[in-house]
Amino acid sequence: MIPGPQGPAALPLLLLSIAVLTVVIDRARFWWQWRRDRTDRRRLWRQLRGQGPEACRLALARWSRTMGWGEPLLEGAALLGPLLGLLGTVLALMAILSRLGPGLLPPPGERLAGYGLVLVDTVLGLTVGLLASLGLQLNRSLRRQALERLRERLAPLPG
């Protein structure tokens, strides 16, 4: 049997990767729609300005929460992905080492080729962590830019 992503870390890694992909795709869709809805947002912003500074601040807070959706999950995944991958690799290495005989030789008839697949968990964990980090940083950057633009429109309001 060739070890690979099938130990106790495989299922959490799979679930984490699905969650990260879901959030990253949702954020891409959100920002695509945000760019497309500029005209509607400008019209809404003019209406809010007519209602006073408090209405604008509430709208900013609501938009900020909407823009930041999924960031806590991405933060956690950026940390947990590599750790789960490393855990899977260490557990697979432990299983391999327990099967090796004296002198760390494989049992007769078993080839050592393919044992490098124990590192698949690490690669998967690092990939999940990288994707989560990239998605998080991109979302934060776009969020910061959008909120700065909206605040610039709010600046001339008194109070």
C-alpha atoms as a PDB file:
ATOM      1  CA  MET A   1       0.000   0.000   0.000  1.00  0.00           C
ATOM      2  CA  ILE A   2       1.321   3.448  -0.942  1.00  0.00           C
ATOM      3  CA  PRO A   3       0.740   6.049   1.757  1.00  0.00           C
ATOM      4  CA  GLY A   4      -1.003   9.240   0.744  1.00  0.00           C
ATOM      5  CA  PRO A   5      -3.719  11.637   1.806  1.00  0.00           C
ATOM      6  CA  GLN A   6      -5.852   9.027   3.528  1.00  0.00           C
ATOM      7  CA  GLY A   7      -4.990   9.337   7.210  1.00  0.00           C
ATOM      8  CA  PRO A   8      -6.767  11.248   9.949  1.00  0.00           C
ATOM      9  CA  ALA A   9      -5.746  14.618   8.461  1.00  0.00           C
ATOM     10  CA  ALA A  10      -7.208  13.890   5.018  1.00  0.00           C
ATOM     11  CA  LEU A  11     -10.871  14.570   5.809  1.00  0.00           C
ATOM     12  CA  PRO A  12     -10.259  17.855   7.683  1.00  0.00           C
ATOM     13  CA  LEU A  13      -7.971  18.961   4.835  1.00  0.00           C
ATOM     14  CA  LEU A  14     -10.624  18.120   2.265  1.00  0.00           C
ATOM     15  CA  LEU A  15     -13.341  19.968   4.192  1.00  0.00           C
ATOM     16  CA  LEU A  16     -11.061  22.950   4.760  1.00  0.00           C
ATOM     17  CA  SER A  17     -10.160  23.119   1.076  1.00  0.00           C
ATOM     18  CA  ILE A  18     -13.848  23.060   0.103  1.00  0.00           C
ATOM     19  CA  ALA A  19     -14.603  25.865   2.589  1.00  0.00           C
ATOM     20  CA  VAL A  20     -11.687  27.970   1.322  1.00  0.00           C
ATOM     21  CA  LEU A  21     -12.676  27.507  -2.312  1.00  0.00           C
ATOM     22  CA  THR A  22     -16.272  28.399  -1.473  1.00  0.00           C
ATOM     23  CA  VAL A  23     -15.261  31.621   0.271  1.00  0.00           C
ATOM     24  CA  VAL A  24     -12.737  32.608  -2.421  1.00  0.00           C
ATOM     25  CA  ILE A  25     -15.278  32.034  -5.200  1.00  0.00           C
ATOM     26  CA  ASP A  26     -17.940  33.939  -3.240  1.00  0.00           C
ATOM     27  CA  ARG A  27     -15.583  36.877  -2.675  1.00  0.00           C
ATOM     28  CA  ALA A  28     -14.621  36.953  -6.376  1.00  0.00           C
ATOM     29  CA  ARG A  29     -18.312  36.969  -7.281  1.00  0.00           C
ATOM     30  CA  PHE A  30     -19.027  39.688  -4.691  1.00  0.00           C
ATOM     31  CA  TRP A  31     -16.275  41.993  -5.933  1.00  0.00           C
ATOM     32  CA  TRP A  32     -17.255  41.413  -9.568  1.00  0.00           C
ATOM     33  CA  GLN A  33     -20.807  42.430  -8.706  1.00  0.00           C
ATOM     34  CA  TRP A  34     -19.546  45.379  -6.609  1.00  0.00           C
ATOM     35  CA  ARG A  35     -17.712  46.776  -9.630  1.00  0.00           C
ATOM     36  CA  ARG A  36     -20.732  46.260 -11.868  1.00  0.00           C
ATOM     37  CA  ASP A  37     -23.160  48.016  -9.472  1.00  0.00           C
ATOM     38  CA  ARG A  38     -21.306  51.341  -9.314  1.00  0.00           C
ATOM     39  CA  THR A  39     -24.128  53.383 -10.797  1.00  0.00           C
ATOM     40  CA  ASP A  40     -26.745  51.952  -8.429  1.00  0.00           C
ATOM     41  CA  ARG A  41     -24.426  52.501  -5.468  1.00  0.00           C
ATOM     42  CA  ARG A  42     -23.830  56.141  -6.436  1.00  0.00           C
ATOM     43  CA  ARG A  43     -27.576  56.708  -6.628  1.00  0.00           C
ATOM     44  CA  LEU A  44     -28.059  55.061  -3.222  1.00  0.00           C
ATOM     45  CA  TRP A  45     -25.171  57.057  -1.774  1.00  0.00           C
ATOM     46  CA  ARG A  46     -26.783  60.335  -2.899  1.00  0.00           C
ATOM     47  CA  GLN A  47     -30.029  59.271  -1.201  1.00  0.00           C
ATOM     48  CA  LEU A  48     -28.162  58.385   1.995  1.00  0.00           C
ATOM     49  CA  ARG A  49     -26.329  61.712   2.010  1.00  0.00           C
ATOM     50  CA  GLY A  50     -29.713  63.416   1.891  1.00  0.00           C
ATOM     51  CA  GLN A  51     -30.696  61.513   5.033  1.00  0.00           C
ATOM     52  CA  GLY A  52     -27.664  62.770   6.959  1.00  0.00           C
ATOM     53  CA  PRO A  53     -24.296  61.565   8.221  1.00  0.00           C
ATOM     54  CA  GLU A  54     -25.685  58.854  10.515  1.00  0.00           C
ATOM     55  CA  ALA A  55     -27.405  57.063   7.609  1.00  0.00           C
ATOM     56  CA  CYS A  56     -24.125  57.150   5.668  1.00  0.00           C
ATOM     57  CA  ARG A  57     -22.149  55.773   8.601  1.00  0.00           C
ATOM     58  CA  LEU A  58     -24.635  52.940   9.085  1.00  0.00           C
ATOM     59  CA  ALA A  59     -24.435  52.092   5.381  1.00  0.00           C
ATOM     60  CA  LEU A  60     -20.611  52.097   5.586  1.00  0.00           C
ATOM     61  CA  ALA A  61     -20.696  49.733   8.568  1.00  0.00           C
ATOM     62  CA  ARG A  62     -23.130  47.413   6.785  1.00  0.00           C
ATOM     63  CA  TRP A  63     -21.029  47.413   3.599  1.00  0.00           C
ATOM     64  CA  SER A  64     -17.866  46.785   5.613  1.00  0.00           C
ATOM     65  CA  ARG A  65     -19.425  43.700   7.258  1.00  0.00           C
ATOM     66  CA  THR A  66     -20.605  42.433   3.880  1.00  0.00           C
ATOM     67  CA  MET A  67     -17.185  43.011   2.321  1.00  0.00           C
ATOM     68  CA  GLY A  68     -15.441  41.176   5.168  1.00  0.00           C
ATOM     69  CA  TRP A  69     -17.604  38.062   5.026  1.00  0.00           C
ATOM     70  CA  GLY A  70     -15.476  34.917   5.148  1.00  0.00           C
ATOM     71  CA  GLU A  71     -12.279  36.605   6.336  1.00  0.00           C
ATOM     72  CA  PRO A  72     -12.207  34.774   9.712  1.00  0.00           C
ATOM     73  CA  LEU A  73     -12.475  31.427   7.914  1.00  0.00           C
ATOM     74  CA  LEU A  74      -9.658  32.376   5.538  1.00  0.00           C
ATOM     75  CA  GLU A  75      -7.494  33.459   8.493  1.00  0.00           C
ATOM     76  CA  GLY A  76      -8.056  30.128  10.211  1.00  0.00           C
ATOM     77  CA  ALA A  77      -7.467  28.144   7.041  1.00  0.00           C
ATOM     78  CA  ALA A  78      -4.209  29.967   6.352  1.00  0.00           C
ATOM     79  CA  LEU A  79      -2.997  28.708   9.726  1.00  0.00           C
ATOM     80  CA  LEU A  80      -4.644  25.277   9.876  1.00  0.00           C
ATOM     81  CA  GLY A  81      -4.021  24.116   6.295  1.00  0.00           C
ATOM     82  CA  PRO A  82      -0.238  23.757   6.581  1.00  0.00           C
ATOM     83  CA  LEU A  83      -0.519  22.339  10.110  1.00  0.00           C
ATOM     84  CA  LEU A  84      -3.004  19.657   9.038  1.00  0.00           C
ATOM     85  CA  GLY A  85      -0.799  18.821   6.057  1.00  0.00           C
ATOM     86  CA  LEU A  86       2.236  18.468   8.277  1.00  0.00           C
ATOM     87  CA  LEU A  87       0.284  16.325  10.725  1.00  0.00           C
ATOM     88  CA  GLY A  88      -0.812  14.019   7.894  1.00  0.00           C
ATOM     89  CA  THR A  89       2.753  13.710   6.646  1.00  0.00           C
ATOM     90  CA  VAL A  90       4.167  12.955  10.089  1.00  0.00           C
ATOM     91  CA  LEU A  91       1.512  10.303  10.738  1.00  0.00           C
ATOM     92  CA  ALA A  92       2.196   8.694   7.347  1.00  0.00           C
ATOM     93  CA  LEU A  93       5.952   8.721   8.013  1.00  0.00           C
ATOM     94  CA  MET A  94       5.360   7.087  11.383  1.00  0.00           C
ATOM     95  CA  ALA A  95       3.340   4.328   9.698  1.00  0.00           C
ATOM     96  CA  ILE A  96       6.090   3.761   7.136  1.00  0.00           C
ATOM     97  CA  LEU A  97       8.860   3.690   9.727  1.00  0.00           C
ATOM     98  CA  SER A  98       6.944   1.158  11.819  1.00  0.00           C
ATOM     99  CA  ARG A  99       6.815  -1.193   8.801  1.00  0.00           C
ATOM    100  CA  LEU A 100      10.518  -0.910   8.015  1.00  0.00           C
ATOM    101  CA  GLY A 101      12.700  -3.645   9.362  1.00  0.00           C
ATOM    102  CA  PRO A 102      16.115  -3.537  10.971  1.00  0.00           C
ATOM    103  CA  GLY A 103      18.446  -1.230   9.154  1.00  0.00           C
ATOM    104  CA  LEU A 104      15.388   0.693   7.937  1.00  0.00           C
ATOM    105  CA  LEU A 105      14.939  -1.591   4.948  1.00  0.00           C
ATOM    106  CA  PRO A 106      11.531  -2.265   3.399  1.00  0.00           C
ATOM    107  CA  PRO A 107      10.003  -5.720   3.859  1.00  0.00           C
ATOM    108  CA  PRO A 108      10.977  -8.209   1.133  1.00  0.00           C
ATOM    109  CA  GLY A 109       9.071  -7.623  -2.087  1.00  0.00           C
ATOM    110  CA  GLU A 110       8.016  -4.098  -1.166  1.00  0.00           C
ATOM    111  CA  ARG A 111       9.506  -1.240  -3.153  1.00  0.00           C
ATOM    112  CA  LEU A 112      10.496   2.040  -1.569  1.00  0.00           C
ATOM    113  CA  ALA A 113       9.443   3.952  -4.672  1.00  0.00           C
ATOM    114  CA  GLY A 114       6.187   5.737  -4.021  1.00  0.00           C
ATOM    115  CA  TYR A 115       6.892   6.432  -0.363  1.00  0.00           C
ATOM    116  CA  GLY A 116       7.489  10.028  -1.348  1.00  0.00           C
ATOM    117  CA  LEU A 117       3.725  10.283  -1.584  1.00  0.00           C
ATOM    118  CA  VAL A 118       3.641  10.734   2.184  1.00  0.00           C
ATOM    119  CA  LEU A 119       4.431  14.378   1.387  1.00  0.00           C
ATOM    120  CA  VAL A 120       1.142  14.805  -0.500  1.00  0.00           C
ATOM    121  CA  ASP A 121      -0.587  15.893   2.715  1.00  0.00           C
ATOM    122  CA  THR A 122       2.001  18.628   3.217  1.00  0.00           C
ATOM    123  CA  VAL A 123       1.613  19.831  -0.359  1.00  0.00           C
ATOM    124  CA  LEU A 124      -2.169  19.897  -0.004  1.00  0.00           C
ATOM    125  CA  GLY A 125      -1.979  21.719   3.321  1.00  0.00           C
ATOM    126  CA  LEU A 126       0.428  24.308   1.950  1.00  0.00           C
ATOM    127  CA  THR A 127      -1.765  24.799  -1.117  1.00  0.00           C
ATOM    128  CA  VAL A 128      -4.863  25.345   1.028  1.00  0.00           C
ATOM    129  CA  GLY A 129      -2.940  27.757   3.263  1.00  0.00           C
ATOM    130  CA  LEU A 130      -1.573  29.674   0.284  1.00  0.00           C
ATOM    131  CA  LEU A 131      -4.960  29.975  -1.393  1.00  0.00           C
ATOM    132  CA  ALA A 132      -6.538  31.105   1.882  1.00  0.00           C
ATOM    133  CA  SER A 133      -3.785  33.696   2.456  1.00  0.00           C
ATOM    134  CA  LEU A 134      -4.050  35.057  -1.069  1.00  0.00           C
ATOM    135  CA  GLY A 135      -7.844  35.233  -0.890  1.00  0.00           C
ATOM    136  CA  LEU A 136      -7.694  36.943   2.500  1.00  0.00           C
ATOM    137  CA  GLN A 137      -5.138  39.551   1.447  1.00  0.00           C
ATOM    138  CA  LEU A 138      -6.930  40.302  -1.801  1.00  0.00           C
ATOM    139  CA  ASN A 139     -10.282  40.679  -0.059  1.00  0.00           C
ATOM    140  CA  ARG A 140      -8.786  42.941   2.630  1.00  0.00           C
ATOM    141  CA  SER A 141      -7.116  45.098   0.001  1.00  0.00           C
ATOM    142  CA  LEU A 142     -10.283  45.476  -2.073  1.00  0.00           C
ATOM    143  CA  ARG A 143     -12.294  46.136   1.080  1.00  0.00           C
ATOM    144  CA  ARG A 144      -9.885  48.846   2.228  1.00  0.00           C
ATOM    145  CA  GLN A 145      -9.912  50.547  -1.188  1.00  0.00           C
ATOM    146  CA  ALA A 146     -13.703  50.472  -1.484  1.00  0.00           C
ATOM    147  CA  LEU A 147     -14.247  51.823   2.030  1.00  0.00           C
ATOM    148  CA  GLU A 148     -11.700  54.616   1.470  1.00  0.00           C
ATOM    149  CA  ARG A 149     -13.558  55.681  -1.684  1.00  0.00           C
ATOM    150  CA  LEU A 150     -16.870  55.635   0.151  1.00  0.00           C
ATOM    151  CA  ARG A 151     -15.425  57.627   3.082  1.00  0.00           C
ATOM    152  CA  GLU A 152     -14.054  60.218   0.677  1.00  0.00           C
ATOM    153  CA  ARG A 153     -17.603  60.809  -0.485  1.00  0.00           C
ATOM    154  CA  LEU A 154     -18.680  61.089   3.153  1.00  0.00           C
ATOM    155  CA  ALA A 155     -15.938  63.592   4.139  1.00  0.00           C
ATOM    156  CA  PRO A 156     -17.752  66.805   3.080  1.00  0.00           C
ATOM    157  CA  LEU A 157     -20.656  65.960   5.389  1.00  0.00           C
ATOM    158  CA  PRO A 158     -20.684  67.893   8.664  1.00  0.00           C
ATOM    159  CA  GLY A 159     -20.553  65.995  11.950  1.00  0.00           C
END
